[in-house]
Protein backbone atom coordinates (compact mmCIF):
# COMPACT_ATOMS: atom_id res chain seq x y z
CA MET A 1 8.94 -99.14 -14.93
CA LEU A 2 8.57 -102.10 -16.87
CA GLN A 3 11.15 -104.55 -17.46
CA SER A 4 10.35 -105.26 -20.92
CA LYS A 5 10.18 -101.32 -21.91
CA ILE A 6 14.08 -100.97 -20.29
CA PHE A 7 17.39 -101.68 -21.36
CA ILE A 8 19.11 -103.84 -18.96
CA PRO A 9 21.30 -106.66 -20.78
CA THR A 10 22.03 -109.39 -18.19
CA LEU A 11 24.70 -111.24 -18.79
CA LYS A 12 25.01 -115.08 -17.32
CA GLU A 13 28.94 -115.42 -17.02
CA ALA A 14 31.76 -112.78 -15.81
CA PRO A 15 33.23 -111.18 -19.26
CA SER A 16 37.21 -112.14 -19.10
CA GLU A 17 38.19 -108.72 -18.95
CA ALA A 18 36.56 -107.90 -15.48
CA GLN A 19 38.71 -109.35 -12.60
CA ILE A 20 37.02 -107.48 -9.41
CA PRO A 21 33.19 -107.72 -7.89
CA SER A 22 32.34 -104.34 -8.69
CA HIS A 23 33.56 -104.30 -12.23
CA ILE A 24 32.35 -107.83 -12.77
CA LEU A 25 28.76 -107.27 -11.17
CA MET A 26 28.62 -103.46 -12.87
CA LEU A 27 28.41 -105.78 -16.70
CA ARG A 28 26.79 -108.73 -15.56
CA ALA A 29 24.07 -106.57 -14.21
CA GLY A 30 23.70 -104.40 -17.28
CA LEU A 31 24.78 -100.99 -15.25
CA ILE A 32 27.57 -100.31 -17.41
CA ARG A 33 29.22 -101.07 -21.40
CA GLN A 34 32.86 -100.23 -22.09
CA LEU A 35 33.59 -98.35 -25.14
CA GLY A 36 37.41 -98.18 -24.92
CA ALA A 37 40.05 -98.64 -22.43
CA GLY A 38 38.77 -96.53 -19.60
CA ILE A 39 35.88 -95.38 -20.93
CA PHE A 40 32.56 -96.77 -20.13
CA SER A 41 28.79 -95.95 -20.89
CA GLN A 42 26.54 -95.37 -18.10
CA LEU A 43 23.13 -98.00 -19.35
CA PRO A 44 19.84 -96.85 -17.42
CA LEU A 45 19.97 -98.96 -14.46
CA GLY A 46 23.49 -97.68 -14.16
CA TYR A 47 22.65 -93.97 -14.51
CA ARG A 48 19.94 -94.01 -12.29
CA SER A 49 22.08 -95.33 -9.46
CA LEU A 50 24.46 -92.00 -10.19
CA LYS A 51 21.77 -89.78 -10.45
CA LYS A 52 21.07 -90.68 -7.01
CA VAL A 53 24.42 -90.51 -5.96
CA GLN A 54 24.28 -86.87 -7.41
CA HIS A 55 21.30 -85.86 -5.54
CA ILE A 56 22.75 -86.95 -2.03
CA ILE A 57 25.57 -84.81 -3.13
CA ARG A 58 23.89 -81.79 -4.00
CA GLN A 59 22.11 -81.89 -0.91
CA GLU A 60 25.03 -81.80 1.20
CA MET A 61 26.59 -79.45 -0.22
CA ASP A 62 23.94 -77.26 -0.95
CA ALA A 63 23.39 -77.85 3.15
CA ILE A 64 26.80 -76.08 3.85
CA GLY A 65 26.55 -72.89 1.66
CA GLY A 66 27.51 -74.60 -1.84
CA GLN A 67 26.71 -73.13 -4.85
CA GLU A 68 26.73 -75.13 -8.13
CA PHE A 69 28.78 -74.44 -10.83
CA HIS A 70 28.98 -76.05 -14.58
CA LEU A 71 32.47 -75.86 -16.01
CA PRO A 72 33.29 -76.42 -19.07
CA ALA A 73 35.88 -79.71 -20.32
CA LEU A 74 37.84 -77.89 -22.27
CA SER A 75 40.12 -74.86 -20.89
CA PRO A 76 43.22 -73.19 -22.28
CA ILE A 77 46.37 -74.25 -21.73
CA ASP A 78 47.93 -70.97 -20.55
CA ILE A 79 45.64 -71.35 -17.48
CA TRP A 80 47.56 -74.40 -16.40
CA GLU A 81 51.08 -73.85 -17.21
CA GLN A 82 50.89 -70.56 -14.81
CA THR A 83 50.69 -72.85 -12.20
CA GLY A 84 52.94 -75.17 -13.42
CA ARG A 85 50.77 -78.39 -13.79
CA VAL A 86 50.69 -78.84 -17.37
CA GLU A 87 54.38 -80.39 -16.49
CA ALA A 88 53.39 -81.76 -12.90
CA MET A 89 50.48 -83.43 -14.62
CA GLY A 90 52.56 -85.06 -17.61
CA ASP A 91 51.14 -87.34 -19.79
CA VAL A 92 48.14 -87.45 -17.64
CA MET A 93 46.46 -84.53 -18.85
CA PHE A 94 44.80 -84.64 -22.62
CA HIS A 95 45.73 -82.20 -25.24
CA ILE A 96 43.84 -81.08 -28.51
CA LYS A 97 46.06 -81.71 -31.03
CA ASN A 98 44.01 -80.38 -33.65
CA ARG A 99 43.41 -77.34 -31.98
CA ASP A 100 46.53 -75.54 -30.04
CA GLY A 101 46.09 -74.59 -26.99
CA LEU A 102 43.47 -76.22 -25.55
CA VAL A 103 43.56 -78.88 -23.40
CA LEU A 104 40.78 -81.65 -21.24
CA ALA A 105 40.38 -80.62 -17.85
CA PRO A 106 41.67 -83.02 -15.29
CA THR A 107 40.19 -81.28 -12.51
CA HIS A 108 39.61 -77.56 -12.20
CA GLU A 109 40.94 -75.55 -9.61
CA GLU A 110 42.69 -73.31 -12.02
CA ILE A 111 39.27 -72.87 -13.51
CA MET A 112 37.99 -71.96 -10.56
CA THR A 113 40.40 -69.44 -9.37
CA TYR A 114 40.41 -67.62 -12.73
CA HIS A 115 36.93 -66.72 -12.05
CA ALA A 116 37.62 -65.95 -8.89
CA ARG A 117 40.29 -63.49 -9.67
CA GLN A 118 37.69 -61.54 -12.26
CA HIS A 119 34.87 -61.29 -9.37
CA ILE A 120 36.24 -61.49 -5.83
CA LYS A 121 37.91 -58.18 -4.75
CA SER A 122 37.36 -57.13 -1.45
CA TYR A 123 37.27 -59.74 1.95
CA ARG A 124 33.41 -58.94 1.75
CA ASP A 125 33.45 -61.03 -0.69
CA MET A 126 33.94 -64.39 0.80
CA PRO A 127 33.76 -67.02 2.32
CA GLN A 128 32.64 -69.00 -0.83
CA ILE A 129 32.12 -72.54 -1.94
CA TRP A 130 31.48 -73.23 -5.20
CA TYR A 131 31.13 -76.75 -6.52
CA GLN A 132 30.16 -78.55 -9.73
CA ILE A 133 29.68 -82.17 -10.66
CA GLN A 134 31.25 -82.78 -14.45
CA THR A 135 33.19 -84.86 -16.72
CA LYS A 136 36.59 -85.30 -15.96
CA PHE A 137 39.49 -86.48 -18.26
CA ARG A 138 42.53 -88.19 -17.30
CA ASN A 139 45.13 -90.03 -19.42
CA GLU A 140 45.69 -92.95 -17.05
CA PRO A 141 48.46 -94.79 -18.55
CA ARG A 142 46.84 -98.24 -17.35
CA PRO A 143 43.21 -97.62 -17.02
CA LYS A 144 41.76 -101.12 -15.10
CA SER A 145 39.57 -102.25 -12.56
CA GLY A 146 36.31 -100.74 -14.66
CA VAL A 147 35.35 -97.33 -13.43
CA LEU A 148 37.82 -97.46 -10.35
CA ARG A 149 40.19 -96.29 -12.46
CA GLY A 150 38.97 -94.56 -16.32
CA ARG A 151 40.16 -92.18 -18.62
CA GLN A 152 36.57 -90.25 -17.97
CA PHE A 153 34.90 -89.77 -14.82
CA THR A 154 32.48 -87.99 -13.02
CA MET A 155 33.67 -86.24 -10.25
CA LYS A 156 32.23 -83.77 -7.77
CA ASP A 157 34.74 -80.99 -7.03
CA ALA A 158 34.37 -77.83 -4.89
CA TYR A 159 36.57 -75.29 -4.00
CA SER A 160 36.30 -72.58 -0.61
CA LEU A 161 37.36 -69.15 -1.00
CA ASP A 162 38.32 -67.56 2.33
CA ASN A 163 40.00 -64.23 3.69
CA SER A 164 42.33 -65.74 6.44
CA LYS A 165 43.20 -69.27 7.33
CA GLU A 166 40.65 -69.45 10.11
CA GLY A 167 38.17 -69.25 7.54
CA LEU A 168 39.98 -71.76 5.34
CA ASP A 169 39.89 -74.19 8.45
CA LYS A 170 36.12 -73.50 9.03
CA SER A 171 35.48 -74.49 5.31
CA TYR A 172 37.46 -77.42 5.33
CA ASP A 173 35.88 -78.63 8.22
CA LEU A 174 32.10 -78.31 7.01
CA HIS A 175 33.35 -80.22 3.71
CA ALA A 176 35.16 -82.70 6.21
CA ILE A 177 31.32 -83.40 7.74
CA ALA A 178 29.60 -83.16 4.38
CA TYR A 179 31.63 -85.59 3.00
CA ARG A 180 31.27 -87.94 6.21
CA ASN A 181 27.40 -87.50 5.71
CA ILE A 182 27.39 -88.48 1.92
CA TYR A 183 29.64 -91.80 1.96
CA GLN A 184 26.95 -92.89 5.05
CA ARG A 185 24.22 -91.87 3.22
CA CYS A 186 25.14 -93.40 0.39
CA GLY A 187 25.99 -96.75 2.76
CA LEU A 188 29.93 -97.19 2.70
CA LYS A 189 31.73 -98.25 5.40
CA PHE A 190 34.92 -95.84 5.24
CA PHE A 191 37.68 -94.23 6.99
CA VAL A 192 39.86 -91.32 7.13
CA VAL A 193 43.29 -90.61 6.57
CA GLY A 194 46.10 -87.87 6.59
CA ALA A 195 47.50 -87.98 3.18
CA SER A 196 50.28 -86.65 0.57
CA SER A 197 48.65 -83.29 -0.96
CA GLY A 198 51.19 -84.27 -3.88
CA ALA A 199 50.82 -81.93 -7.18
CA MET A 200 47.97 -80.29 -6.03
CA GLY A 201 50.01 -78.70 -3.38
CA GLY A 202 48.49 -77.39 -0.01
CA SER A 203 49.61 -77.43 3.64
CA ALA A 204 47.22 -80.42 4.69
CA SER A 205 44.64 -83.02 3.08
CA GLN A 206 43.10 -85.73 4.25
CA GLU A 207 41.48 -89.33 1.95
CA PHE A 208 38.20 -90.80 2.32
CA MET A 209 38.54 -94.51 2.32
CA VAL A 210 37.10 -98.16 1.79
CA GLU A 211 39.27 -100.80 2.18
CA SER A 212 39.62 -103.33 0.14
CA PRO A 213 41.68 -106.14 -1.40
CA TYR A 214 41.62 -104.69 -4.95
CA GLY A 215 42.39 -100.77 -4.05
CA GLU A 216 45.31 -99.50 -5.40
CA ASP A 217 46.21 -97.31 -2.22
CA THR A 218 47.94 -98.28 0.84
CA CYS A 219 46.72 -97.34 4.28
CA VAL A 220 48.26 -97.39 7.62
CA ILE A 221 45.23 -98.11 10.43
CA ASP A 222 45.02 -98.71 14.60
CA GLU A 223 41.39 -99.16 14.46
CA LEU A 224 41.85 -98.83 18.76
CA SER A 225 43.84 -95.41 18.77
CA GLY A 226 41.70 -94.26 15.57
CA TYR A 227 44.99 -93.51 14.12
CA SER A 228 44.82 -93.96 10.03
CA ALA A 229 47.32 -92.38 7.63
CA ASN A 230 48.15 -92.97 3.58
CA ILE A 231 51.20 -95.09 3.32
CA GLU A 232 52.38 -91.98 2.12
CA VAL A 233 52.58 -90.25 4.94
CA ALA A 234 52.19 -92.57 7.77
CA VAL A 235 54.28 -92.63 10.78
CA SER A 236 55.14 -95.54 13.38
CA ALA A 237 57.05 -95.36 17.17
CA VAL A 238 60.01 -97.12 15.69
CA HIS A 239 62.86 -95.42 17.53
CA PRO A 240 66.23 -94.36 16.37
CA ILE A 241 68.84 -96.42 16.20
CA GLY A 242 71.23 -93.80 18.65
CA ARG A 243 74.49 -93.78 19.17
CA ILE A 244 76.77 -97.19 20.29
CA ASP A 245 80.07 -96.78 22.33
CA ASN A 246 82.24 -97.28 19.08
CA THR A 247 84.64 -94.05 18.29
CA ASP A 248 87.26 -96.25 15.54
CA SER A 249 87.94 -94.30 12.68
CA ILE A 250 86.39 -95.31 9.34
CA GLU A 251 87.41 -98.53 7.55
CA GLU A 252 87.19 -99.70 3.78
CA PHE A 253 86.70 -103.22 3.55
CA ALA A 254 86.49 -106.02 0.56
CA THR A 255 82.60 -107.19 0.12
CA PRO A 256 82.77 -109.00 -3.13
CA GLY A 257 79.81 -110.39 -4.52
CA ALA A 258 77.63 -108.40 -1.90
CA LYS A 259 75.63 -105.83 -3.35
CA THR A 260 72.63 -106.08 -1.11
CA ILE A 261 71.63 -105.52 2.92
CA ASP A 262 71.00 -109.27 3.17
CA GLU A 263 74.00 -110.42 1.40
CA LEU A 264 76.32 -107.80 3.69
CA VAL A 265 74.60 -109.16 6.98
CA THR A 266 74.80 -112.50 6.21
CA ALA A 267 79.00 -112.70 4.91
CA PHE A 268 80.06 -110.53 7.33
CA GLY A 269 77.55 -111.16 10.83
CA LEU A 270 76.65 -107.46 10.64
CA ASP A 271 74.09 -105.94 12.53
CA ILE A 272 71.21 -105.25 10.27
CA ASN A 273 70.10 -101.69 11.99
CA ARG A 274 73.42 -100.52 11.55
CA CYS A 275 73.80 -101.06 7.99
CA ALA A 276 72.88 -97.68 5.96
CA LYS A 277 71.49 -98.53 2.68
CA SER A 278 72.11 -95.54 0.28
CA VAL A 279 69.90 -94.59 -2.81
CA VAL A 280 70.32 -91.62 -5.19
CA TYR A 281 67.19 -90.25 -7.07
CA ILE A 282 67.06 -86.85 -8.70
CA ALA A 283 64.78 -84.69 -8.19
CA ASP A 284 63.81 -81.57 -10.54
CA SER A 285 67.26 -82.11 -12.03
CA LYS A 286 68.98 -82.01 -8.61
CA ALA A 287 70.62 -85.26 -7.06
CA TYR A 288 70.28 -86.57 -3.25
CA LEU A 289 71.96 -89.61 -1.81
CA ILE A 290 69.04 -90.77 0.75
CA LEU A 291 70.66 -92.82 3.91
CA MET A 292 68.29 -95.40 5.47
CA ARG A 293 68.47 -98.05 8.08
CA GLY A 294 69.06 -101.66 6.99
CA ASN A 295 66.18 -102.50 4.35
CA ASP A 296 63.82 -99.70 5.16
CA GLN A 297 62.38 -98.69 1.87
CA LEU A 298 62.36 -95.07 0.83
CA ASN A 299 58.75 -93.18 0.76
CA GLU A 300 58.87 -91.29 -2.59
CA ALA A 301 55.87 -89.09 -1.50
CA LYS A 302 57.99 -88.54 1.49
CA PHE A 303 60.83 -87.30 0.00
CA GLN A 304 59.43 -85.42 -2.83
CA ASN A 305 57.16 -83.97 -0.67
CA TYR A 306 59.85 -82.44 1.80
CA VAL A 307 62.20 -81.45 -1.39
CA LYS A 308 59.21 -79.71 -3.03
CA SER A 309 59.98 -81.39 -6.36
CA THR A 310 57.61 -81.60 -9.17
CA GLN A 311 59.08 -84.68 -10.58
CA CYS A 312 61.57 -87.27 -8.68
CA ARG A 313 62.86 -90.51 -9.51
CA PRO A 314 65.64 -92.77 -9.06
CA ALA A 315 69.15 -92.30 -10.58
CA GLU A 316 69.84 -94.34 -14.14
CA THR A 317 72.83 -96.69 -14.04
CA GLU A 318 74.63 -94.09 -16.11
CA GLU A 319 74.08 -91.29 -13.84
CA LEU A 320 74.58 -93.16 -10.10
CA PHE A 321 78.19 -94.21 -11.71
CA GLU A 322 78.92 -90.73 -12.79
CA LEU A 323 77.85 -89.37 -9.59
CA THR A 324 79.14 -91.72 -7.62
CA GLY A 325 81.93 -93.68 -9.20
CA ALA A 326 80.17 -97.00 -8.16
CA HIS A 327 76.95 -99.19 -9.00
CA ALA A 328 74.10 -99.73 -6.99
CA GLY A 329 74.95 -101.94 -3.79
CA SER A 330 78.44 -100.40 -3.54
CA ILE A 331 77.26 -96.19 -2.70
CA GLY A 332 77.68 -94.28 0.29
CA PRO A 333 77.86 -91.11 2.06
CA ILE A 334 81.73 -90.92 2.32
CA GLY A 335 83.59 -89.01 -0.38
CA LEU A 336 80.98 -87.81 -2.55
CA SER A 337 81.01 -84.75 -4.69
CA SER A 338 79.30 -81.57 -3.83
CA GLU A 339 76.80 -82.02 -6.76
CA ILE A 340 74.74 -84.47 -4.29
CA THR A 341 72.33 -83.30 -1.20
CA ILE A 342 72.59 -86.02 1.53
CA LEU A 343 69.81 -86.47 3.34
CA ALA A 344 69.29 -89.21 6.16
CA ASP A 345 66.02 -90.83 7.55
CA SER A 346 65.23 -89.79 10.84
CA LEU A 347 65.53 -93.43 12.77
CA LEU A 348 69.58 -92.81 11.98
CA GLU A 349 69.77 -89.46 13.35
CA HIS A 350 72.93 -89.16 15.79
CA ALA A 351 73.94 -92.49 14.61
CA ASN A 352 77.10 -93.96 14.21
CA GLY A 353 78.96 -97.62 13.95
CA LEU A 354 77.28 -97.94 10.58
CA VAL A 355 78.32 -99.88 7.87
CA SER A 356 77.53 -98.18 3.71
CA GLY A 357 79.33 -98.70 0.38
CA ALA A 358 82.56 -96.93 -0.35
CA ASN A 359 81.73 -95.40 -3.75
CA LYS A 360 83.71 -98.09 -5.17
CA ASP A 361 82.25 -101.49 -6.55
CA GLY A 362 83.11 -104.68 -4.18
CA PHE A 363 83.65 -102.59 -1.31
CA HIS A 364 82.61 -100.97 1.85
CA ILE A 365 82.94 -98.74 4.96
CA LYS A 366 82.38 -99.15 8.34
CA ASN A 367 82.98 -97.26 11.62
CA ILE A 368 81.25 -94.42 9.93
CA ASP A 369 79.78 -91.61 12.42
CA LEU A 370 77.46 -89.58 10.87
CA GLU A 371 78.09 -86.36 13.07
CA ARG A 372 81.54 -86.75 12.69
CA ASP A 373 82.12 -88.69 9.09
CA CYS A 374 79.37 -86.99 6.77
CA THR A 375 77.55 -83.70 6.02
CA ILE A 376 74.07 -84.32 6.52
CA SER A 377 72.10 -81.70 4.71
CA ALA A 378 68.80 -82.65 7.26
CA PHE A 379 67.60 -85.77 9.10
CA VAL A 380 64.27 -86.10 8.00
CA ASP A 381 61.30 -89.01 8.21
CA VAL A 382 61.69 -91.02 4.48
CA ARG A 383 60.72 -94.20 5.06
CA THR A 384 57.99 -96.47 4.73
CA VAL A 385 55.69 -97.91 7.83
CA LEU A 386 55.91 -101.61 7.94
CA GLU A 387 53.23 -103.69 9.37
CA GLY A 388 53.36 -104.73 13.38
CA GLU A 389 54.98 -101.70 13.63
CA PRO A 390 53.57 -99.57 16.97
CA CYS A 391 51.31 -96.85 16.33
CA ILE A 392 52.34 -93.21 17.53
CA SER A 393 49.27 -93.35 19.40
CA GLY A 394 49.21 -96.06 21.96
CA GLY A 395 51.99 -98.19 20.49
CA ASN A 396 49.38 -101.12 19.25
CA PRO A 397 50.72 -102.68 16.18
CA LEU A 398 49.65 -100.96 13.26
CA ARG A 399 47.82 -102.79 10.57
CA ILE A 400 48.05 -102.02 6.64
CA VAL A 401 45.54 -102.71 4.17
CA ASN A 402 44.48 -102.20 0.82
CA ALA A 403 41.73 -99.39 0.17
CA ILE A 404 40.31 -97.10 -2.61
CA GLU A 405 39.95 -93.93 -2.60
CA VAL A 406 36.82 -92.09 -2.72
CA GLY A 407 37.20 -88.51 -1.76
CA HIS A 408 39.96 -86.25 -1.19
CA ILE A 409 40.02 -82.81 0.78
CA PHE A 410 42.39 -80.53 0.40
CA LYS A 411 43.65 -76.94 2.38
CA LEU A 412 45.32 -75.57 -1.17
CA GLY A 413 46.17 -72.05 0.94
CA THR A 414 47.59 -69.51 -1.76
CA LYS A 415 49.39 -71.74 -4.34
CA TYR A 416 46.63 -70.99 -7.28
CA SER A 417 45.42 -67.65 -6.35
CA GLU A 418 49.09 -66.73 -6.57
CA ALA A 419 50.12 -68.22 -9.46
CA LEU A 420 46.64 -66.73 -11.08
CA ASN A 421 47.34 -63.21 -9.44
CA ALA A 422 43.54 -63.77 -7.58
CA VAL A 423 43.85 -61.20 -4.87
CA PHE A 424 41.48 -59.20 -2.79
CA LEU A 425 41.57 -56.14 -0.87
CA ASP A 426 41.72 -56.77 3.25
CA GLU A 427 40.36 -55.15 5.93
CA HIS A 428 43.40 -52.32 6.07
CA GLY A 429 42.83 -51.93 2.09
CA LYS A 430 46.28 -54.24 1.22
CA GLU A 431 46.27 -56.75 -1.16
CA GLN A 432 46.16 -60.50 -0.35
CA PRO A 433 46.06 -63.80 -2.12
CA ILE A 434 42.49 -65.96 -1.74
CA ILE A 435 43.22 -68.62 0.52
CA MET A 436 41.63 -71.57 -1.07
CA GLY A 437 40.52 -75.13 -0.45
CA SER A 438 39.63 -78.33 -2.86
CA TYR A 439 37.46 -80.81 -2.36
CA GLY A 440 36.89 -83.81 -4.61
CA ILE A 441 34.63 -86.64 -4.95
CA GLY A 442 34.50 -89.66 -7.58
CA LEU A 443 31.01 -90.06 -8.11
CA GLU A 444 31.65 -94.04 -10.24
CA ARG A 445 33.86 -94.90 -7.39
CA ILE A 446 30.77 -94.60 -4.64
CA ILE A 447 29.52 -97.24 -6.89
CA ALA A 448 31.52 -99.43 -6.99
CA CYS A 449 32.89 -98.97 -3.88
CA ALA A 450 28.84 -99.64 -2.54
CA ILE A 451 29.09 -103.27 -4.98
CA GLU A 452 32.37 -104.09 -3.65
CA GLN A 453 30.70 -103.82 -0.05
CA HIS A 454 27.29 -104.91 -0.40
CA HIS A 455 27.28 -108.05 -2.75
CA ASP A 456 27.35 -111.96 -2.70
CA GLU A 457 27.57 -115.01 -5.06
CA LYS A 458 24.19 -113.89 -6.64
CA GLY A 459 24.73 -110.78 -7.54
CA ILE A 460 24.44 -107.37 -6.23
CA ALA A 461 22.96 -106.16 -2.85
CA TRP A 462 22.21 -102.32 -2.98
CA PRO A 463 21.97 -99.96 -0.76
CA ILE A 464 18.49 -98.69 -0.78
CA SER A 465 19.70 -94.92 -0.63
CA ILE A 466 21.84 -95.47 -4.35
CA ALA A 467 19.76 -98.51 -5.76
CA PRO A 468 18.43 -97.81 -9.13
CA TYR A 469 14.64 -99.10 -7.91
CA THR A 470 13.63 -99.71 -4.57
CA VAL A 471 11.21 -102.31 -5.06
CA HIS A 472 11.67 -105.49 -7.60
CA LEU A 473 7.89 -106.24 -8.46
CA ILE A 474 8.33 -109.82 -9.96
CA GLY A 475 5.14 -111.17 -11.88
CA LEU A 476 4.48 -114.63 -11.97
CA GLY A 477 2.69 -116.38 -14.45
CA LEU A 478 1.00 -113.21 -16.15
CA HIS A 479 0.78 -113.78 -19.35
CA LYS A 480 -1.96 -116.94 -17.63
CA SER A 481 -3.60 -114.34 -15.05
CA GLN A 482 -5.19 -111.43 -15.39
CA GLU A 483 -6.29 -110.72 -11.50
CA ALA A 484 -2.03 -111.15 -11.43
CA VAL A 485 -1.40 -108.70 -13.81
CA LYS A 486 -4.14 -106.21 -12.03
CA VAL A 487 -2.91 -106.89 -8.51
CA CYS A 488 0.71 -105.69 -10.10
CA ASN A 489 -0.08 -103.00 -11.90
CA GLU A 490 -2.08 -101.72 -8.27
CA ILE A 491 0.67 -102.35 -6.34
CA HIS A 492 3.19 -100.50 -8.98
CA ASP A 493 1.03 -97.29 -9.10
CA ALA A 494 0.74 -97.12 -5.40
CA LEU A 495 4.62 -97.14 -4.60
CA GLU A 496 5.07 -94.81 -7.07
CA LYS A 497 2.92 -92.77 -6.27
CA ILE A 498 4.16 -92.24 -2.67
CA GLY A 499 7.66 -92.07 -4.02
CA ILE A 500 9.06 -95.69 -3.91
CA ASP A 501 10.59 -96.23 -7.41
CA VAL A 502 9.33 -99.84 -8.56
CA LEU A 503 10.90 -102.21 -11.40
CA PHE A 504 8.25 -104.67 -12.54
CA ASP A 505 9.41 -107.73 -14.17
CA ASP A 506 6.63 -107.97 -16.19
CA ARG A 507 8.51 -110.19 -19.01
CA ASP A 508 7.25 -113.77 -20.48
CA VAL A 509 9.97 -115.82 -19.29
CA SER A 510 10.39 -118.22 -16.94
CA PRO A 511 10.38 -117.70 -13.02
CA GLY A 512 13.86 -119.37 -12.81
CA ILE A 513 15.06 -115.92 -15.41
CA LYS A 514 13.00 -113.70 -13.04
CA PHE A 515 14.06 -114.58 -9.76
CA ASN A 516 18.35 -114.93 -11.10
CA ASP A 517 17.78 -111.64 -12.65
CA ALA A 518 16.77 -110.22 -9.90
CA ASP A 519 19.18 -111.37 -7.35
CA LEU A 520 21.64 -110.09 -10.07
CA ILE A 521 20.47 -106.78 -10.16
CA GLY A 522 20.03 -106.81 -6.27
CA LEU A 523 17.18 -104.34 -6.04
CA PRO A 524 16.39 -103.82 -1.92
CA PHE A 525 12.86 -105.54 -1.86
CA GLN A 526 11.85 -108.21 -3.73
CA LEU A 527 8.08 -108.33 -3.98
CA ILE A 528 6.76 -111.61 -5.40
CA VAL A 529 3.11 -111.74 -7.07
CA GLY A 530 1.55 -114.74 -8.76
CA GLU A 531 -1.78 -116.61 -9.25
CA LYS A 532 -0.75 -119.00 -6.81
CA GLY A 533 0.02 -116.61 -3.83
CA LEU A 534 -3.28 -114.82 -4.65
CA GLN A 535 -5.55 -117.44 -3.97
CA GLN A 536 -3.58 -118.38 -0.81
CA GLY A 537 -3.85 -114.91 0.36
CA GLN A 538 -0.31 -114.09 0.68
CA LEU A 539 2.43 -112.57 -1.35
CA GLU A 540 6.04 -113.08 -0.66
CA LEU A 541 8.54 -109.90 0.32
CA LYS A 542 12.34 -110.58 -0.27
CA ILE A 543 14.82 -108.44 1.73
CA ARG A 544 17.68 -109.01 -0.62
CA LYS A 545 20.72 -108.21 1.35
CA THR A 546 19.33 -111.00 3.82
CA HIS A 547 17.87 -113.39 1.55
CA GLU A 548 14.88 -113.26 4.11
CA ARG A 549 11.92 -114.78 2.71
CA LEU A 550 8.23 -112.82 4.22
CA SER A 551 4.76 -114.05 3.93
CA ILE A 552 2.47 -110.53 3.85
CA ALA A 553 -1.19 -111.96 4.48
CA ILE A 554 -3.62 -109.84 2.03
CA SER A 555 -7.39 -109.84 0.96
CA LEU A 556 -8.43 -109.66 -2.68
CA ASP A 557 -10.36 -106.83 -1.91
CA ASP A 558 -9.73 -102.49 -1.35
CA THR A 559 -7.15 -103.60 1.30
CA LEU A 560 -4.20 -105.59 -0.50
CA VAL A 561 -2.55 -102.56 -2.30
CA LEU A 562 -2.61 -100.64 1.33
CA THR A 563 -0.69 -103.86 3.46
CA VAL A 564 1.60 -104.09 0.48
CA VAL A 565 2.60 -100.52 0.96
CA ASN A 566 2.81 -100.76 4.34
CA ALA A 567 4.95 -103.75 4.46
CA ILE A 568 7.12 -102.63 2.50
CA GLN A 569 7.43 -99.00 4.32
CA SER A 570 8.10 -100.86 7.64
CA HIS A 571 11.15 -102.72 6.54
CA MET A 572 12.07 -99.79 4.57
CA ASN A 573 12.23 -98.26 7.76
CA ILE A 574 14.39 -100.53 9.64
CA MET A 575 16.89 -101.16 6.60
CA VAL A 576 17.35 -97.27 7.11
CA GLN A 577 18.11 -97.17 10.78
């Protein structure tokens, strides 16, 4: 492809609206342009890369028996209402105002289940793996970080249909393998974490993550043991605080001005781990008081998953006072009304000698024995793991990192098939709900993460597999050297003929502009051809990732093109390995 004929609007300066490397470089290298908040147009270079990602995904999905669909982005809202996800999605779902009853699909579990209900009738009809690569729409309230959090994006979503839990396990494992292959082929360094299924539901899920300081997800990892989990489900080997030798009765005492755990500990010389912090949450209109150790923080995802609520939130100031008779900092588990269900974190199980709020402003209660003085509905892990806590696999200190999610796989089970009555007859003629899995990949996120991991101060350094082009052929002084033009055209045609795609910079601009643009665009190889080099019997091959420069000795005869092609192919093989 001639660079003079392709639309590549490079920018010298970083746009003010871009804050992270991938966003900056995708704009500067002319891959994308913003149309609105969270809405981006794919320009020719960016779209070529996107198509290469699609090709890799199709190959790996087809290899595990996937069948490609293309479903509508528009769908009837009543299908979503049957699964309860209109309410669960909230404002994230786009509703079509001038066409009542239609929404823009943020994902397609419901629609795939709808089609399965129509055509899957017998256990013999399964297993099935159905997938698509389709545009999705989500009304992100705060779109940011370029294509990492947009309102319109491309997703590969796949769905497995099975007649047994063992079948689901197999389908899930096949997708896990396919995903690893996809990310490896796309040049990503990634890790896999256990995750919360959230509004998707199901019995298990895993996320595929790329570590990045700009990631919105927080993960807990231990490289030595291999343990990794999203912070939403992560656990550590911190021991419960247990019991102490204290059988004293509860006693109320004044704590004026002490509204936080730290203030309480400082003012009264208390053991921070024996201070039971209380928070009140409303989950699907039901009130819960949650007790935790000291300054431990509530993990909302763990709590919401345990109570199986669609929506949960902290109690507002007025609600808190109505439910407990006190404001934040003075609430506790003693003397609450029966309207509130009390949960306690697992670290407090069997604990005594605790201090907590007295449900009266400015007062606390000491000597609380949870087994004697409180009615705890359940002890459950609802705290957030902290940096440095011991790993459950070997006790190594845990590391907490930011990460970008590039894929998520779920064991859905029968949540959607039961809601939509997608059933089959088993081998005994009995009706059973189809057992499903769901598997998603964000394509633009793969590209952004590849750039996050493969760039330097000069620009992008693409992995070969998803680079818009493989070779950047840079012709110097073409306006005054017909020989250089001839050699460039021959090399271009020869490389293209054997399947190596080439961007030929034939523009009439200075060498400095060409080199700067080449480093910014970041194609894996830069082949520099100029009259001076031809006269000296050599061409220069630059490896963009390492900046290594290699001289290719040539003769101005029929062997020239073959020499260049062989040199590029040999270095491609080395880089792929």
